[in-house]
């Protein structure tokens, strides 16, 4: 009797695993996410705080490079309107590389996006960094629920996300 039960266990486990819901990542979802990322950079480049804020969920969160945490679409809009007044409009030309999209569920994705081209008033160098976003699919489409901006602290000129490889000299902490 015991042998019969143990014989059933692998079958039950295999059936449970094959019945697990797959992450539904359609080409349409990925394209919609990339459109939101593109709009995010477009609104930022235009210094359109209202348009920028509309890309976030109502309860969204944004964490800036210096670590300022902003909660809620209204405050994200307000804080960015203030931030935009510190941008050097003549020099700023925001550019970004192809975002990496990782689906966690049919309605949730993480997006990694390197960017460059930000000049602040009075600064002598261009800022660049990495924006990590958690995006949620809602009735109105994909929205940013959380975004964290990290500086390109090594100052590498031609930078991108670098996957970990212990043999890669870029992992020694120095810009190439």
Foldseek 3Di string as FASTA:
>chain_A
DVVVVVVCVVVVVVVVVVPPDDADDDPVQVVLVQVLVVQLQVCLLVLPLLSNLVQADQQAWEAEAVGDIFTGSVRSSVVSNVVSVFWPNVFADKDKDRWDWAGPHNFKIKIKIKMWRTHTPPDDDTWIWIKIFIWGQDPVGIGTRYIYTHTPVLPADDDDDDPDDPVDPVVVSHHD
